[in-house]
Each structure stands twice: as structure tokens, then as C-alpha cells.
Amino acid sequence: MHLELKPGKTSDYEYTEAVKTLRTNIQFCGSSVRVIMFTSAIPSEGKSDLSFATAEALAQIGKRTLLIDADIRKSILTYRYQLKNKLNGLSQFLSGQKRLEEVLYTTSTRGLDLIFAGPFSPNPAELLEEELFGDTVKKLREAYDYIIIDTPPMAGLIDGAIVARHCDGAVLIIESGAVSWRVEQKVVEQLKRSQCRILGAVLNKADSGNGGYYGRYGKYRKYGKYGKYGRYENAEHEESSYSRLEPAKHTAARPRTEIPNSVIEPDMDEEYKELECPSAAPEHGESQ
């Protein structure tokens, strides 16, 4: 099945270049790192936008790329990218309602395929823990150069840790000034217990200091809060089958943007340092 993707945000030079730097740093992690999860500690740190942008950037340089939305509890990709049709997804495949070919979508971006989260499920952790999910990731690894998996926030949910067992590495998205060090350390420890290599972290939504990016777009405030991070009672969205098993009508929130500022990698002593990237695009974001 094929999808024509509409842009989810206004393009911005600094954002685009920062995503290219992130793409290059991922490639520098080695040829064995091909299944990568993007996660965060809490909702609304920007991981879903960065997951999509990174997958799209990899496809643009000729890498066959699959983006899996594993956030079955509360997916936002269909709303963010203005996809109003009822789409099949991961929850239906894992529960035996759909075949893999029925949930796998090609897109208007050459080389980029998508598997959406599917309708809300009351037991997402149990679905992801089934052998079917791990076996499917192994099968898809043979068909793609990179698989990017967007997972739920990990501070209070186990879903991300379950997905991490099937990944070669994890990228942690951190919103500047929004999350305490202690909370992030809990996420790091959870990833270590899952034996998933932490590739690094992206400091997101940090003011670049030039007055350009946030001067135009603000601070990405209107996506709302997750509350209990389950159903969509308080969210405003386009009509879709993703809010529950039974579709409902919603009103879309106007999309806003954020910028990933740098990729950093943890040392063995838990302190962070800049990830060396000799041939990456110029760095953006944080002032030196």
C-alpha cells in the first residue's frame, strides 16, 4: 500500500542540517547498528518528529529505511503528518487481525516505508512481548538498511524496554530544561538492563541563540499533555482510527517545530561528552 505524505512542519535550515548531522553520527556508529529505537523520558520531548525526520533523511541518501511506530498507547504520526484515512497498524498485526503486508506502507519518499501503530490496544506491553514482534524485526532486518522504531516514553512505561531487547542501539531524546537528571538516569539504567547499547542523546528544543528558529515558530507548546498516557480523551486530532478501535472525530492541533541541538554519547562513568563526528555537517544549536 502507498501513502502520499504531507509535510508535518515548516522546513527550517537549522533543523534540516541538525537532522543530517544526527544521520551522519548514526552511520558512524558502525554497520552492525541497523535497528535503532528513539525514545524519551516523558511525552512531548520531540522523539516522534525526530524519528520520522531521521528515517526520511536516511532514505534520502539511498538507504532502504523502515520506520515502525511502536507507540501503541498514543501514536501521533497520523495526526502530525495529516493522514486522515483509516490505516492498518502494528497493534492489528501483533493481535492477528492483519498480515504484515497489510500494515506495511510505501511512501512518496523513495526508500522510506512505514508501519503505523494501529488502533489503541489495552495491552500494548503484552503485544510487544510476543515472539511475533521479535521475529518480525529479524525478518525485516534482511529487507532494510535501517529500521527506526519510535517507542513510548520510558520514565513510567515498560514498552520501550521491551522493544529495546530487539534493537542494536537507542537514541535518547531530551528536551532542554524539561527533565531532571535523576529521571534521565532511570531511563539510562532501564536501557542498560535491557542490554541495549545507548548510541547517544539528542538535546532537543534548545534555543540556538540566533533569534531565528524560535523567533518564528515558538516553543512547540500546543500538542497537549498525555495525562495517563493511554486513551485520547483530552487530545485534539484529525479523524482517524488511531484514537481507539472505534474511530472518532477530532480537531487537529496546528503543528509546530523543534530543533535537535547536538548528539552526545555517555562515557562509562555516566558523564556525557560530544560525539566526535569528523565528516558531519556543521553543528547547530547550543552556543559554544
Foldseek 3Di string as FASTA:
>chain_A
DEEEWADLEDDDPQQLQQLQLVLLLQPVVDQVFAEEEEAEAFPPLCRVVSLVSNQLSCVVVPFQEEEEELLLQDDCVCFSRVPQEAAAADVCCLVVNDPPVRQWYHYPRHNYIYGYNGARDPCSQVSLLDVVVLVVLVVVVVVGSHYYYYYYNDLPDCNVLSVQLNGQAYEYEAEPPPDDPVSVVVVVVSSVVSVHHHSWYWHKQAAQPPCPQCVPFPRFPPQDHCVVSGADPPGAGAWYCHRHVDIDGGHRDRGTDMHTQATWHADPVRDIDGDDRPPRRDGTGDDD
